[in-house]
Amino acid sequence: MRITANQLSIVKALSRSYFGEDAKLWLFGSCVDDEKKGGDYDFLIETSLTNPDEIISSKIDMITQLQSSGPFEDEKIDIIVKRRQSSFDMPIYHIARQEGVQI
């Protein structure tokens, strides 16, 4: 994986802070493959939060916090949020879980 231990620690802490202690987190996309270069950081967060406004606000706040931290400064970051109790399903959820790494 092309993510440092420091970056991993930061993103894990922020995901728990913004999306709850029971949030599950995956890194997926090009950063999972050590052979690839460039790309952005793609994360899937599965949360028990249900309020759409709270989820959107948390996502924006987390991205802002990540991009203002030294280890993620000027990096492109994509966060996809899946509500655990929602029946709404998208192919990207399956791709992230199957091809990504739960962190």
PDB file of N, CA and C in Angstrom:
ATOM      1  N   MET A   1       0.847  -1.183   0.000  1.00  0.00           N
ATOM      2  CA  MET A   1       0.000   0.000   0.000  1.00  0.00           C
ATOM      3  C   MET A   1       0.883   1.234   0.000  1.00  0.00           C
ATOM      4  N   ARG A   2       0.457   2.220  -0.742  1.00  0.00           N
ATOM      5  CA  ARG A   2       1.203   3.470  -0.788  1.00  0.00           C
ATOM      6  C   ARG A   2       0.557   4.497   0.140  1.00  0.00           C
ATOM      7  N   ILE A   3       0.664   4.208   1.423  1.00  0.00           N
ATOM      8  CA  ILE A   3       0.197   5.124   2.455  1.00  0.00           C
ATOM      9  C   ILE A   3       1.114   4.910   3.653  1.00  0.00           C
ATOM     10  N   THR A   4       1.565   6.000   4.252  1.00  0.00           N
ATOM     11  CA  THR A   4       2.506   5.871   5.359  1.00  0.00           C
ATOM     12  C   THR A   4       1.772   5.498   6.649  1.00  0.00           C
ATOM     13  N   ALA A   5       2.528   5.028   7.619  1.00  0.00           N
ATOM     14  CA  ALA A   5       1.953   4.693   8.925  1.00  0.00           C
ATOM     15  C   ALA A   5       1.331   5.929   9.565  1.00  0.00           C
ATOM     16  N   ASN A   6       1.972   7.082   9.392  1.00  0.00           N
ATOM     17  CA  ASN A   6       1.448   8.329   9.939  1.00  0.00           C
ATOM     18  C   ASN A   6       0.120   8.707   9.270  1.00  0.00           C
ATOM     19  N   GLN A   7       0.069   8.610   7.937  1.00  0.00           N
ATOM     20  CA  GLN A   7      -1.174   8.903   7.223  1.00  0.00           C
ATOM     21  C   GLN A   7      -2.280   7.945   7.658  1.00  0.00           C
ATOM     22  N   LEU A   8      -1.932   6.688   7.802  1.00  0.00           N
ATOM     23  CA  LEU A   8      -2.891   5.670   8.226  1.00  0.00           C
ATOM     24  C   LEU A   8      -3.461   5.999   9.596  1.00  0.00           C
ATOM     25  N   SER A   9      -2.602   6.374  10.501  1.00  0.00           N
ATOM     26  CA  SER A   9      -3.031   6.733  11.850  1.00  0.00           C
ATOM     27  C   SER A   9      -3.987   7.922  11.831  1.00  0.00           C
ATOM     28  N   ILE A  10      -3.667   8.920  11.033  1.00  0.00           N
ATOM     29  CA  ILE A  10      -4.499  10.124  10.948  1.00  0.00           C
ATOM     30  C   ILE A  10      -5.874   9.804  10.369  1.00  0.00           C
ATOM     31  N   VAL A  11      -5.912   9.078   9.267  1.00  0.00           N
ATOM     32  CA  VAL A  11      -7.193   8.804   8.613  1.00  0.00           C
ATOM     33  C   VAL A  11      -8.061   7.885   9.472  1.00  0.00           C
ATOM     34  N   LYS A  12      -7.452   6.953  10.171  1.00  0.00           N
ATOM     35  CA  LYS A  12      -8.230   6.083  11.070  1.00  0.00           C
ATOM     36  C   LYS A  12      -8.850   6.899  12.206  1.00  0.00           C
ATOM     37  N   ALA A  13      -8.045   7.744  12.823  1.00  0.00           N
ATOM     38  CA  ALA A  13      -8.540   8.562  13.938  1.00  0.00           C
ATOM     39  C   ALA A  13      -9.656   9.496  13.490  1.00  0.00           C
ATOM     40  N   LEU A  14      -9.475  10.134  12.340  1.00  0.00           N
ATOM     41  CA  LEU A  14     -10.501  11.061  11.855  1.00  0.00           C
ATOM     42  C   LEU A  14     -11.778  10.325  11.455  1.00  0.00           C
ATOM     43  N   SER A  15     -11.656   9.150  10.865  1.00  0.00           N
ATOM     44  CA  SER A  15     -12.870   8.416  10.479  1.00  0.00           C
ATOM     45  C   SER A  15     -13.679   8.035  11.723  1.00  0.00           C
ATOM     46  N   ARG A  16     -12.992   7.636  12.789  1.00  0.00           N
ATOM     47  CA  ARG A  16     -13.703   7.311  14.036  1.00  0.00           C
ATOM     48  C   ARG A  16     -14.307   8.566  14.652  1.00  0.00           C
ATOM     49  N   SER A  17     -13.563   9.668  14.582  1.00  0.00           N
ATOM     50  CA  SER A  17     -14.034  10.918  15.169  1.00  0.00           C
ATOM     51  C   SER A  17     -15.279  11.451  14.465  1.00  0.00           C
ATOM     52  N   TYR A  18     -15.270  11.413  13.138  1.00  0.00           N
ATOM     53  CA  TYR A  18     -16.380  11.982  12.377  1.00  0.00           C
ATOM     54  C   TYR A  18     -17.511  10.998  12.102  1.00  0.00           C
ATOM     55  N   PHE A  19     -17.210   9.715  12.029  1.00  0.00           N
ATOM     56  CA  PHE A  19     -18.236   8.740  11.623  1.00  0.00           C
ATOM     57  C   PHE A  19     -18.541   7.689  12.685  1.00  0.00           C
ATOM     58  N   GLY A  20     -17.966   7.831  13.873  1.00  0.00           N
ATOM     59  CA  GLY A  20     -18.279   6.945  14.981  1.00  0.00           C
ATOM     60  C   GLY A  20     -17.204   5.890  15.205  1.00  0.00           C
ATOM     61  N   GLU A  21     -17.109   5.464  16.445  1.00  0.00           N
ATOM     62  CA  GLU A  21     -16.105   4.466  16.830  1.00  0.00           C
ATOM     63  C   GLU A  21     -16.282   3.151  16.083  1.00  0.00           C
ATOM     64  N   ASP A  22     -17.493   2.872  15.634  1.00  0.00           N
ATOM     65  CA  ASP A  22     -17.749   1.604  14.935  1.00  0.00           C
ATOM     66  C   ASP A  22     -17.604   1.724  13.414  1.00  0.00           C
ATOM     67  N   ALA A  23     -17.119   2.875  12.937  1.00  0.00           N
ATOM     68  CA  ALA A  23     -16.940   3.070  11.489  1.00  0.00           C
ATOM     69  C   ALA A  23     -15.906   2.082  10.958  1.00  0.00           C
ATOM     70  N   LYS A  24     -16.173   1.558   9.767  1.00  0.00           N
ATOM     71  CA  LYS A  24     -15.221   0.682   9.088  1.00  0.00           C
ATOM     72  C   LYS A  24     -14.620   1.474   7.933  1.00  0.00           C
ATOM     73  N   LEU A  25     -13.349   1.232   7.662  1.00  0.00           N
ATOM     74  CA  LEU A  25     -12.611   2.044   6.704  1.00  0.00           C
ATOM     75  C   LEU A  25     -11.828   1.155   5.747  1.00  0.00           C
ATOM     76  N   TRP A  26     -11.923   1.471   4.460  1.00  0.00           N
ATOM     77  CA  TRP A  26     -11.158   0.780   3.420  1.00  0.00           C
ATOM     78  C   TRP A  26     -10.377   1.796   2.608  1.00  0.00           C
ATOM     79  N   LEU A  27      -9.174   1.429   2.234  1.00  0.00           N
ATOM     80  CA  LEU A  27      -8.399   2.150   1.233  1.00  0.00           C
ATOM     81  C   LEU A  27      -8.508   1.342  -0.041  1.00  0.00           C
ATOM     82  N   PHE A  28      -8.835   1.999  -1.145  1.00  0.00           N
ATOM     83  CA  PHE A  28      -8.943   1.270  -2.406  1.00  0.00           C
ATOM     84  C   PHE A  28      -8.410   2.148  -3.529  1.00  0.00           C
ATOM     85  N   GLY A  29      -8.362   1.598  -4.713  1.00  0.00           N
ATOM     86  CA  GLY A  29      -7.859   2.348  -5.862  1.00  0.00           C
ATOM     87  C   GLY A  29      -6.367   2.152  -6.035  1.00  0.00           C
ATOM     88  N   SER A  30      -5.748   3.094  -6.712  1.00  0.00           N
ATOM     89  CA  SER A  30      -4.337   2.947  -7.092  1.00  0.00           C
ATOM     90  C   SER A  30      -3.395   2.908  -5.900  1.00  0.00           C
ATOM     91  N   CYS A  31      -3.748   3.494  -4.785  1.00  0.00           N
ATOM     92  CA  CYS A  31      -2.845   3.509  -3.627  1.00  0.00           C
ATOM     93  C   CYS A  31      -2.683   2.144  -2.969  1.00  0.00           C
ATOM     94  N   VAL A  32      -3.515   1.205  -3.326  1.00  0.00           N
ATOM     95  CA  VAL A  32      -3.392  -0.143  -2.781  1.00  0.00           C
ATOM     96  C   VAL A  32      -2.270  -0.904  -3.489  1.00  0.00           C
ATOM     97  N   ASP A  33      -1.968  -0.503  -4.710  1.00  0.00           N
ATOM     98  CA  ASP A  33      -0.980  -1.193  -5.545  1.00  0.00           C
ATOM     99  C   ASP A  33       0.371  -0.478  -5.474  1.00  0.00           C
ATOM    100  N   ASP A  34       1.368  -1.157  -4.896  1.00  0.00           N
ATOM    101  CA  ASP A  34       2.698  -0.562  -4.759  1.00  0.00           C
ATOM    102  C   ASP A  34       3.370  -0.284  -6.097  1.00  0.00           C
ATOM    103  N   GLU A  35       2.951  -0.968  -7.142  1.00  0.00           N
ATOM    104  CA  GLU A  35       3.573  -0.814  -8.462  1.00  0.00           C
ATOM    105  C   GLU A  35       3.083   0.422  -9.211  1.00  0.00           C
ATOM    106  N   LYS A  36       1.918   0.933  -8.837  1.00  0.00           N
ATOM    107  CA  LYS A  36       1.357   2.097  -9.529  1.00  0.00           C
ATOM    108  C   LYS A  36       1.944   3.382  -8.970  1.00  0.00           C
ATOM    109  N   LYS A  37       1.865   4.420  -9.750  1.00  0.00           N
ATOM    110  CA  LYS A  37       2.368   5.728  -9.334  1.00  0.00           C
ATOM    111  C   LYS A  37       1.236   6.748  -9.419  1.00  0.00           C
ATOM    112  N   GLY A  38       1.351   7.780  -8.604  1.00  0.00           N
ATOM    113  CA  GLY A  38       0.368   8.854  -8.651  1.00  0.00           C
ATOM    114  C   GLY A  38      -0.984   8.427  -8.130  1.00  0.00           C
ATOM    115  N   GLY A  39      -1.991   9.154  -8.552  1.00  0.00           N
ATOM    116  CA  GLY A  39      -3.350   8.846  -8.130  1.00  0.00           C
ATOM    117  C   GLY A  39      -3.724   9.574  -6.858  1.00  0.00           C
ATOM    118  N   ASP A  40      -4.941   9.347  -6.461  1.00  0.00           N
ATOM    119  CA  ASP A  40      -5.432   9.985  -5.251  1.00  0.00           C
ATOM    120  C   ASP A  40      -5.673   8.927  -4.185  1.00  0.00           C
ATOM    121  N   TYR A  41      -6.057   9.387  -3.016  1.00  0.00           N
ATOM    122  CA  TYR A  41      -6.395   8.497  -1.920  1.00  0.00           C
ATOM    123  C   TYR A  41      -7.901   8.269  -1.961  1.00  0.00           C
ATOM    124  N   ASP A  42      -8.303   7.021  -2.150  1.00  0.00           N
ATOM    125  CA  ASP A  42      -9.720   6.662  -2.198  1.00  0.00           C
ATOM    126  C   ASP A  42     -10.069   5.876  -0.940  1.00  0.00           C
ATOM    127  N   PHE A  43     -11.056   6.371  -0.205  1.00  0.00           N
ATOM    128  CA  PHE A  43     -11.482   5.711   1.021  1.00  0.00           C
ATOM    129  C   PHE A  43     -12.976   5.426   0.960  1.00  0.00           C
ATOM    130  N   LEU A  44     -13.347   4.276   1.491  1.00  0.00           N
ATOM    131  CA  LEU A  44     -14.753   3.953   1.737  1.00  0.00           C
ATOM    132  C   LEU A  44     -14.919   3.903   3.239  1.00  0.00           C
ATOM    133  N   ILE A  45     -15.914   4.600   3.731  1.00  0.00           N
ATOM    134  CA  ILE A  45     -16.239   4.565   5.151  1.00  0.00           C
ATOM    135  C   ILE A  45     -17.653   4.038   5.285  1.00  0.00           C
ATOM    136  N   GLU A  46     -17.788   2.999   6.089  1.00  0.00           N
ATOM    137  CA  GLU A  46     -19.109   2.453   6.390  1.00  0.00           C
ATOM    138  C   GLU A  46     -19.455   2.903   7.803  1.00  0.00           C
ATOM    139  N   THR A  47     -20.599   3.567   7.950  1.00  0.00           N
ATOM    140  CA  THR A  47     -20.964   4.176   9.221  1.00  0.00           C
ATOM    141  C   THR A  47     -22.376   3.798   9.655  1.00  0.00           C
ATOM    142  N   SER A  48     -22.599   3.892  10.944  1.00  0.00           N
ATOM    143  CA  SER A  48     -23.946   3.681  11.465  1.00  0.00           C
ATOM    144  C   SER A  48     -24.719   5.001  11.551  1.00  0.00           C
ATOM    145  N   LEU A  49     -24.078   6.111  11.193  1.00  0.00           N
ATOM    146  CA  LEU A  49     -24.797   7.390  11.133  1.00  0.00           C
ATOM    147  C   LEU A  49     -25.914   7.276  10.098  1.00  0.00           C
ATOM    148  N   THR A  50     -27.029   7.938  10.338  1.00  0.00           N
ATOM    149  CA  THR A  50     -28.154   7.845   9.406  1.00  0.00           C
ATOM    150  C   THR A  50     -28.598   9.191   8.851  1.00  0.00           C
ATOM    151  N   ASN A  51     -28.277  10.264   9.517  1.00  0.00           N
ATOM    152  CA  ASN A  51     -28.715  11.594   9.096  1.00  0.00           C
ATOM    153  C   ASN A  51     -27.869  12.070   7.912  1.00  0.00           C
ATOM    154  N   PRO A  52     -28.496  12.258   6.745  1.00  0.00           N
ATOM    155  CA  PRO A  52     -27.727  12.675   5.556  1.00  0.00           C
ATOM    156  C   PRO A  52     -26.960  13.980   5.743  1.00  0.00           C
ATOM    157  N   ASP A  53     -27.549  14.947   6.420  1.00  0.00           N
ATOM    158  CA  ASP A  53     -26.867  16.222   6.647  1.00  0.00           C
ATOM    159  C   ASP A  53     -25.616  16.034   7.507  1.00  0.00           C
ATOM    160  N   GLU A  54     -25.732  15.184   8.518  1.00  0.00           N
ATOM    161  CA  GLU A  54     -24.594  14.907   9.392  1.00  0.00           C
ATOM    162  C   GLU A  54     -23.483  14.178   8.628  1.00  0.00           C
ATOM    163  N   ILE A  55     -23.878  13.255   7.766  1.00  0.00           N
ATOM    164  CA  ILE A  55     -22.903  12.503   6.970  1.00  0.00           C
ATOM    165  C   ILE A  55     -22.156  13.431   6.013  1.00  0.00           C
ATOM    166  N   ILE A  56     -22.884  14.283   5.313  1.00  0.00           N
ATOM    167  CA  ILE A  56     -22.254  15.210   4.364  1.00  0.00           C
ATOM    168  C   ILE A  56     -21.332  16.179   5.090  1.00  0.00           C
ATOM    169  N   SER A  57     -21.794  16.711   6.198  1.00  0.00           N
ATOM    170  CA  SER A  57     -20.980  17.628   6.988  1.00  0.00           C
ATOM    171  C   SER A  57     -19.711  16.938   7.492  1.00  0.00           C
ATOM    172  N   SER A  58     -19.849  15.715   7.969  1.00  0.00           N
ATOM    173  CA  SER A  58     -18.702  14.955   8.468  1.00  0.00           C
ATOM    174  C   SER A  58     -17.707  14.668   7.354  1.00  0.00           C
ATOM    175  N   LYS A  59     -18.216  14.338   6.178  1.00  0.00           N
ATOM    176  CA  LYS A  59     -17.342  14.056   5.036  1.00  0.00           C
ATOM    177  C   LYS A  59     -16.536  15.299   4.654  1.00  0.00           C
ATOM    178  N   ILE A  60     -17.206  16.426   4.548  1.00  0.00           N
ATOM    179  CA  ILE A  60     -16.527  17.684   4.200  1.00  0.00           C
ATOM    180  C   ILE A  60     -15.502  18.048   5.268  1.00  0.00           C
ATOM    181  N   ASP A  61     -15.895  17.938   6.533  1.00  0.00           N
ATOM    182  CA  ASP A  61     -14.985  18.279   7.624  1.00  0.00           C
ATOM    183  C   ASP A  61     -13.765  17.357   7.642  1.00  0.00           C
ATOM    184  N   MET A  62     -13.980  16.074   7.385  1.00  0.00           N
ATOM    185  CA  MET A  62     -12.866  15.127   7.394  1.00  0.00           C
ATOM    186  C   MET A  62     -11.891  15.411   6.255  1.00  0.00           C
ATOM    187  N   ILE A  63     -12.413  15.656   5.071  1.00  0.00           N
ATOM    188  CA  ILE A  63     -11.532  15.973   3.936  1.00  0.00           C
ATOM    189  C   ILE A  63     -10.749  17.256   4.220  1.00  0.00           C
ATOM    190  N   THR A  64     -11.416  18.252   4.761  1.00  0.00           N
ATOM    191  CA  THR A  64     -10.759  19.515   5.102  1.00  0.00           C
ATOM    192  C   THR A  64      -9.649  19.284   6.117  1.00  0.00           C
ATOM    193  N   GLN A  65      -9.945  18.496   7.137  1.00  0.00           N
ATOM    194  CA  GLN A  65      -8.957  18.191   8.183  1.00  0.00           C
ATOM    195  C   GLN A  65      -7.768  17.418   7.603  1.00  0.00           C
ATOM    196  N   LEU A  66      -8.046  16.441   6.751  1.00  0.00           N
ATOM    197  CA  LEU A  66      -6.971  15.663   6.138  1.00  0.00           C
ATOM    198  C   LEU A  66      -6.074  16.551   5.276  1.00  0.00           C
ATOM    199  N   GLN A  67      -6.691  17.363   4.435  1.00  0.00           N
ATOM    200  CA  GLN A  67      -5.914  18.185   3.511  1.00  0.00           C
ATOM    201  C   GLN A  67      -5.162  19.318   4.205  1.00  0.00           C
ATOM    202  N   SER A  68      -5.537  19.631   5.422  1.00  0.00           N
ATOM    203  CA  SER A  68      -4.804  20.664   6.158  1.00  0.00           C
ATOM    204  C   SER A  68      -3.726  20.052   7.053  1.00  0.00           C
ATOM    205  N   SER A  69      -3.684  18.717   7.105  1.00  0.00           N
ATOM    206  CA  SER A  69      -2.621  18.054   7.862  1.00  0.00           C
ATOM    207  C   SER A  69      -1.392  17.928   6.972  1.00  0.00           C
ATOM    208  N   GLY A  70      -0.228  17.959   7.561  1.00  0.00           N
ATOM    209  CA  GLY A  70       1.015  17.868   6.789  1.00  0.00           C
ATOM    210  C   GLY A  70       1.091  16.652   5.886  1.00  0.00           C
ATOM    211  N   PRO A  71       0.802  15.455   6.385  1.00  0.00           N
ATOM    212  CA  PRO A  71       0.952  14.241   5.566  1.00  0.00           C
ATOM    213  C   PRO A  71       0.024  14.159   4.349  1.00  0.00           C
ATOM    214  N   PHE A  72      -1.092  14.866   4.381  1.00  0.00           N
ATOM    215  CA  PHE A  72      -2.031  14.829   3.252  1.00  0.00           C
ATOM    216  C   PHE A  72      -2.135  16.167   2.525  1.00  0.00           C
ATOM    217  N   GLU A  73      -1.297  17.111   2.888  1.00  0.00           N
ATOM    218  CA  GLU A  73      -1.359  18.443   2.289  1.00  0.00           C
ATOM    219  C   GLU A  73      -1.197  18.361   0.766  1.00  0.00           C
ATOM    220  N   ASP A  74      -2.096  19.017   0.076  1.00  0.00           N
ATOM    221  CA  ASP A  74      -2.102  19.080  -1.395  1.00  0.00           C
ATOM    222  C   ASP A  74      -2.387  17.740  -2.072  1.00  0.00           C
ATOM    223  N   GLU A  75      -2.837  16.748  -1.342  1.00  0.00           N
ATOM    224  CA  GLU A  75      -3.189  15.445  -1.923  1.00  0.00           C
ATOM    225  C   GLU A  75      -4.671  15.437  -2.306  1.00  0.00           C
ATOM    226  N   LYS A  76      -4.984  14.696  -3.360  1.00  0.00           N
ATOM    227  CA  LYS A  76      -6.376  14.505  -3.745  1.00  0.00           C
ATOM    228  C   LYS A  76      -6.937  13.364  -2.907  1.00  0.00           C
ATOM    229  N   ILE A  77      -8.096  13.610  -2.311  1.00  0.00           N
ATOM    230  CA  ILE A  77      -8.708  12.630  -1.421  1.00  0.00           C
ATOM    231  C   ILE A  77     -10.168  12.470  -1.808  1.00  0.00           C
ATOM    232  N   ASP A  78     -10.575  11.223  -2.013  1.00  0.00           N
ATOM    233  CA  ASP A  78     -11.978  10.908  -2.271  1.00  0.00           C
ATOM    234  C   ASP A  78     -12.482  10.034  -1.130  1.00  0.00           C
ATOM    235  N   ILE A  79     -13.626  10.414  -0.595  1.00  0.00           N
ATOM    236  CA  ILE A  79     -14.245   9.626   0.469  1.00  0.00           C
ATOM    237  C   ILE A  79     -15.654   9.272   0.031  1.00  0.00           C
ATOM    238  N   ILE A  80     -15.948   7.993   0.065  1.00  0.00           N
ATOM    239  CA  ILE A  80     -17.292   7.498  -0.218  1.00  0.00           C
ATOM    240  C   ILE A  80     -17.848   6.991   1.103  1.00  0.00           C
ATOM    241  N   VAL A  81     -19.064   7.392   1.419  1.00  0.00           N
ATOM    242  CA  VAL A  81     -19.669   6.996   2.681  1.00  0.00           C
ATOM    243  C   VAL A  81     -20.863   6.095   2.414  1.00  0.00           C
ATOM    244  N   LYS A  82     -20.881   4.964   3.085  1.00  0.00           N
ATOM    245  CA  LYS A  82     -22.001   4.016   2.991  1.00  0.00           C
ATOM    246  C   LYS A  82     -22.666   3.948   4.352  1.00  0.00           C
ATOM    247  N   ARG A  83     -23.967   4.213   4.371  1.00  0.00           N
ATOM    248  CA  ARG A  83     -24.723   4.054   5.615  1.00  0.00           C
ATOM    249  C   ARG A  83     -24.963   2.560   5.832  1.00  0.00           C
ATOM    250  N   ARG A  84     -24.547   2.066   6.954  1.00  0.00           N
ATOM    251  CA  ARG A  84     -24.616   0.642   7.255  1.00  0.00           C
ATOM    252  C   ARG A  84     -26.045   0.096   7.161  1.00  0.00           C
ATOM    253  N   GLN A  85     -27.011   0.840   7.615  1.00  0.00           N
ATOM    254  CA  GLN A  85     -28.389   0.351   7.656  1.00  0.00           C
ATOM    255  C   GLN A  85     -29.188   0.645   6.391  1.00  0.00           C
ATOM    256  N   SER A  86     -28.563   1.243   5.404  1.00  0.00           N
ATOM    257  CA  SER A  86     -29.268   1.600   4.174  1.00  0.00           C
ATOM    258  C   SER A  86     -29.299   0.422   3.199  1.00  0.00           C
ATOM    259  N   SER A  87     -30.411   0.276   2.520  1.00  0.00           N
ATOM    260  CA  SER A  87     -30.513  -0.762   1.490  1.00  0.00           C
ATOM    261  C   SER A  87     -29.987  -0.249   0.140  1.00  0.00           C
ATOM    262  N   PHE A  88     -29.692   1.046   0.063  1.00  0.00           N
ATOM    263  CA  PHE A  88     -29.157   1.627  -1.160  1.00  0.00           C
ATOM    264  C   PHE A  88     -27.780   1.027  -1.409  1.00  0.00           C
ATOM    265  N   ASP A  89     -27.572   0.560  -2.633  1.00  0.00           N
ATOM    266  CA  ASP A  89     -26.321  -0.122  -2.946  1.00  0.00           C
ATOM    267  C   ASP A  89     -25.758   0.425  -4.249  1.00  0.00           C
ATOM    268  N   MET A  90     -24.445   0.549  -4.291  1.00  0.00           N
ATOM    269  CA  MET A  90     -23.764   1.010  -5.494  1.00  0.00           C
ATOM    270  C   MET A  90     -22.600   0.064  -5.784  1.00  0.00           C
ATOM    271  N   PRO A  91     -22.279  -0.142  -7.057  1.00  0.00           N
ATOM    272  CA  PRO A  91     -21.154  -1.025  -7.404  1.00  0.00           C
ATOM    273  C   PRO A  91     -19.830  -0.619  -6.750  1.00  0.00           C
ATOM    274  N   ILE A  92     -19.617   0.675  -6.531  1.00  0.00           N
ATOM    275  CA  ILE A  92     -18.354   1.132  -5.945  1.00  0.00           C
ATOM    276  C   ILE A  92     -18.167   0.578  -4.538  1.00  0.00           C
ATOM    277  N   TYR A  93     -19.257   0.332  -3.806  1.00  0.00           N
ATOM    278  CA  TYR A  93     -19.139  -0.255  -2.467  1.00  0.00           C
ATOM    279  C   TYR A  93     -18.501  -1.641  -2.561  1.00  0.00           C
ATOM    280  N   HIS A  94     -18.948  -2.429  -3.525  1.00  0.00           N
ATOM    281  CA  HIS A  94     -18.418  -3.788  -3.701  1.00  0.00           C
ATOM    282  C   HIS A  94     -16.972  -3.752  -4.181  1.00  0.00           C
ATOM    283  N   ILE A  95     -16.685  -2.860  -5.106  1.00  0.00           N
ATOM    284  CA  ILE A  95     -15.315  -2.730  -5.628  1.00  0.00           C
ATOM    285  C   ILE A  95     -14.358  -2.356  -4.498  1.00  0.00           C
ATOM    286  N   ALA A  96     -14.745  -1.384  -3.690  1.00  0.00           N
ATOM    287  CA  ALA A  96     -13.884  -0.926  -2.596  1.00  0.00           C
ATOM    288  C   ALA A  96     -13.606  -2.046  -1.604  1.00  0.00           C
ATOM    289  N   ARG A  97     -14.615  -2.825  -1.279  1.00  0.00           N
ATOM    290  CA  ARG A  97     -14.441  -3.920  -0.318  1.00  0.00           C
ATOM    291  C   ARG A  97     -13.641  -5.076  -0.900  1.00  0.00           C
ATOM    292  N   GLN A  98     -13.887  -5.401  -2.186  1.00  0.00           N
ATOM    293  CA  GLN A  98     -13.225  -6.547  -2.795  1.00  0.00           C
ATOM    294  C   GLN A  98     -11.789  -6.256  -3.202  1.00  0.00           C
ATOM    295  N   GLU A  99     -11.542  -5.080  -3.760  1.00  0.00           N
ATOM    296  CA  GLU A  99     -10.217  -4.761  -4.276  1.00  0.00           C
ATOM    297  C   GLU A  99      -9.389  -3.924  -3.298  1.00  0.00           C
ATOM    298  N   GLY A 100     -10.059  -3.379  -2.310  1.00  0.00           N
ATOM    299  CA  GLY A 100      -9.367  -2.537  -1.346  1.00  0.00           C
ATOM    300  C   GLY A 100      -8.869  -3.303  -0.145  1.00  0.00           C
ATOM    301  N   VAL A 101      -8.329  -2.544   0.786  1.00  0.00           N
ATOM    302  CA  VAL A 101      -7.784  -3.112   2.026  1.00  0.00           C
ATOM    303  C   VAL A 101      -8.493  -2.433   3.182  1.00  0.00           C
ATOM    304  N   GLN A 102      -9.086  -3.247   4.056  1.00  0.00           N
ATOM    305  CA  GLN A 102      -9.715  -2.661   5.236  1.00  0.00           C
ATOM    306  C   GLN A 102      -8.610  -2.250   6.198  1.00  0.00           C
ATOM    307  N   ILE A 103      -8.696  -1.012   6.642  1.00  0.00           N
ATOM    308  CA  ILE A 103      -7.653  -0.482   7.530  1.00  0.00           C
ATOM    309  C   ILE A 103      -8.235  -0.019   8.853  1.00  0.00           C
TER     310      ILE A 103
END
